[in-house]
Protein backbone atom coordinates (compact mmCIF):
# COMPACT_ATOMS: atom_id res chain seq x y z
CA MET A 1 -27.16 66.24 74.61
CA SER A 2 -31.17 66.36 74.45
CA LEU A 3 -30.53 67.53 70.65
CA LEU A 4 -28.31 65.10 69.94
CA ASP A 5 -30.81 62.58 71.44
CA ILE A 6 -32.96 63.59 67.92
CA ASP A 7 -30.58 60.49 67.02
CA GLU A 8 -30.22 60.50 62.84
CA ARG A 9 -33.38 63.07 62.59
CA ILE A 10 -30.18 65.70 63.19
CA VAL A 11 -29.69 64.56 59.16
CA GLU A 12 -32.74 66.20 58.47
CA LEU A 13 -32.76 68.80 60.28
CA LEU A 14 -28.69 69.53 58.58
CA ASP A 15 -30.75 69.65 55.62
CA HIS A 16 -32.67 73.54 56.77
CA VAL A 17 -30.48 74.48 59.49
CA GLU A 18 -26.40 75.13 60.33
CA PHE A 19 -24.77 75.02 63.66
CA ASN A 20 -23.22 78.40 64.24
CA ARG A 21 -22.22 78.35 67.42
CA SER A 22 -22.21 75.65 69.69
CA PRO A 23 -20.50 73.12 71.88
CA ILE A 24 -19.58 71.15 69.05
CA THR A 25 -18.11 74.14 66.97
CA ASP A 26 -16.53 76.33 70.06
CA ILE A 27 -16.99 79.37 67.49
CA LYS A 28 -16.91 82.35 70.15
CA HIS A 29 -19.14 84.58 68.44
CA CYS A 30 -22.04 83.99 66.52
CA GLY A 31 -23.37 85.67 63.10
CA PRO A 32 -26.48 86.52 62.41
CA CYS A 33 -28.77 83.83 62.97
CA ASP A 34 -32.60 83.27 62.47
CA ILE A 35 -33.15 80.86 65.78
CA GLY A 36 -31.02 80.67 68.82
CA LEU A 37 -31.42 77.99 71.27
CA ILE A 38 -30.09 78.68 74.53
CA GLU A 39 -29.66 76.55 77.66
CA GLY A 40 -28.49 77.61 81.28
CA GLY A 41 -29.29 80.27 83.62
CA LEU A 42 -27.44 83.58 84.01
CA CYS A 43 -24.59 83.45 86.48
CA ASN A 44 -21.90 85.36 85.68
CA ALA A 45 -21.41 88.95 83.97
CA ASP A 46 -20.11 86.74 81.04
CA ASN A 47 -22.71 85.00 80.70
CA VAL A 48 -24.74 87.84 80.56
CA HIS A 49 -22.55 89.65 77.45
CA VAL A 50 -22.98 86.71 75.17
CA LEU A 51 -26.66 86.00 75.38
CA LYS A 52 -27.23 89.93 74.43
CA GLU A 53 -24.97 89.28 72.00
CA PHE A 54 -26.88 86.56 71.38
CA ARG A 55 -30.38 88.03 70.76
CA GLU A 56 -28.88 91.01 68.58
CA ASN A 57 -28.16 88.42 66.15
CA CYS A 58 -30.56 85.74 66.19
CA LYS A 59 -34.59 86.79 64.83
CA ILE A 60 -36.12 83.97 67.40
CA ILE A 61 -34.32 83.49 70.78
CA ILE A 62 -35.42 79.82 72.50
CA ALA A 63 -34.93 79.30 75.96
CA VAL A 64 -33.71 75.46 76.68
CA GLY A 65 -34.24 74.24 80.07
CA ALA A 66 -34.85 74.73 83.22
CA CYS A 67 -31.86 76.92 84.08
CA ALA A 68 -32.56 79.09 81.68
CA ILE A 69 -36.04 79.21 81.85
CA ASN A 70 -36.56 79.85 85.66
CA GLY A 71 -32.19 79.54 87.03
CA GLY A 72 -33.13 75.61 87.96
CA VAL A 73 -30.96 74.31 90.64
CA PRO A 74 -28.25 76.95 90.15
CA ALA A 75 -30.72 79.02 91.74
CA MET A 76 -30.73 77.58 94.85
CA ARG A 77 -27.68 79.91 95.74
CA ASN A 78 -30.44 82.75 95.54
CA HIS A 79 -31.83 82.19 98.97
CA PHE A 80 -28.19 83.10 100.26
CA THR A 81 -25.30 86.01 99.78
CA LEU A 82 -22.82 85.23 97.33
CA LYS A 83 -20.34 86.03 100.15
CA GLU A 84 -22.18 82.66 102.11
CA CYS A 85 -21.96 80.48 98.74
CA LEU A 86 -18.24 81.31 97.69
CA GLU A 87 -16.96 80.64 101.89
CA GLU A 88 -18.95 77.74 101.99
CA ALA A 89 -17.75 76.45 98.69
CA TYR A 90 -14.00 78.08 98.94
CA LEU A 91 -13.45 77.81 102.92
CA ASP A 92 -16.07 76.04 105.13
CA GLY A 93 -17.08 72.92 102.63
CA ILE A 94 -16.19 69.68 103.21
CA GLY A 95 -12.87 67.87 101.21
CA VAL A 96 -11.78 71.81 101.04
CA GLU A 97 -8.00 71.17 101.43
CA ASN A 98 -6.66 74.76 100.41
CA PRO A 99 -8.95 77.31 101.80
CA MET A 100 -8.81 80.24 99.29
CA ILE A 101 -11.60 82.68 97.53
CA PRO A 102 -10.43 82.72 93.97
CA ASN A 103 -9.45 86.47 92.82
CA ASP A 104 -8.15 86.25 89.77
CA VAL A 105 -9.07 89.33 87.13
CA GLU A 106 -9.11 86.30 84.25
CA LEU A 107 -12.59 84.96 85.94
CA PRO A 108 -15.90 86.30 85.12
CA LEU A 109 -17.31 88.45 87.87
CA LEU A 110 -20.13 86.45 89.78
CA LEU A 111 -23.38 87.73 89.61
CA SER A 112 -25.13 88.51 92.99
CA LYS A 113 -28.06 86.14 92.19
CA VAL A 114 -28.44 83.28 89.27
CA HIS A 115 -31.54 84.84 86.64
CA PRO A 116 -33.53 83.26 84.00
CA LEU A 117 -33.02 84.50 80.14
CA HIS A 118 -35.91 86.30 80.31
CA GLU A 119 -34.98 89.11 82.88
CA VAL A 120 -32.08 90.21 80.46
CA VAL A 121 -33.24 89.80 77.07
CA HIS A 122 -36.58 89.00 75.20
CA VAL A 123 -37.12 85.05 75.00
CA ASP A 124 -39.48 83.62 72.29
CA TYR A 125 -39.92 80.36 72.89
CA TYR A 126 -39.82 78.43 76.07
CA LEU A 127 -38.41 74.73 76.15
CA PRO A 128 -39.10 73.21 79.14
CA GLY A 129 -37.37 70.30 80.64
CA CYS A 130 -34.60 69.27 82.97
CA PRO A 131 -33.48 68.40 79.99
CA PRO A 132 -36.08 68.68 77.76
CA PRO A 133 -37.27 65.57 75.82
CA ALA A 134 -35.70 65.08 72.29
CA ASP A 135 -38.62 65.27 71.00
CA ALA A 136 -39.72 68.16 72.12
CA PHE A 137 -36.49 69.71 70.07
CA MET A 138 -37.74 68.39 67.25
CA LYS A 139 -40.85 69.36 67.36
CA VAL A 140 -40.43 73.04 68.22
CA LEU A 141 -37.95 73.16 65.56
CA THR A 142 -39.94 71.43 62.90
CA ASP A 143 -42.70 73.72 63.09
CA LEU A 144 -40.36 76.51 62.98
CA LEU A 145 -39.32 75.74 59.82
CA GLU A 146 -42.18 74.91 58.74
CA GLY A 147 -43.36 78.61 59.44
CA LYS A 148 -45.98 77.25 62.17
CA GLU A 149 -46.37 78.52 65.56
CA PRO A 150 -44.32 76.38 68.21
CA SER A 151 -46.19 74.04 70.40
CA LEU A 152 -45.43 71.42 72.81
CA PRO A 153 -48.27 68.38 73.43
CA LYS A 154 -48.12 67.60 76.93
CA GLU A 155 -47.12 63.91 75.67
CA ILE A 156 -43.83 64.80 74.49
CA LEU A 157 -43.20 67.27 77.66
CA HIS A 158 -41.50 65.29 80.91
CA TYR A 159 -40.08 66.58 84.02
CA ASP A 160 -38.06 63.86 85.40
């Protein structure tokens, strides 16, 4: 959503970029691209597969937000076993009406821990925040489009 918060400045970007794979386009596989923006931590095997495919196809990978950089709030489950988390969510949690841990071959295999992106692939740049502010997106993307090393002045970052 922060990317969309750049408002009309997105039109300026569209002169230079093409959105290949995103929740907006719903494209399932990405082809070769220059810059990949990845958000979210790695919670299941599908996340890892998609990230590795993305890394293979992108010249530059940018980890976007706290979840991608350090696991964020989902990584709070790393203090418990996966079994404990599933039991709390599906068997013992408040409001559980039909206690049963889902077990369907269509569901992605959960990882025992939530991992940040850099534990699985090389990450070129980090865009911190939860979420990163729109101005930080613009600054990093503009710097890269101009062939400069991205730099984020402290005054455009916030952590609220």
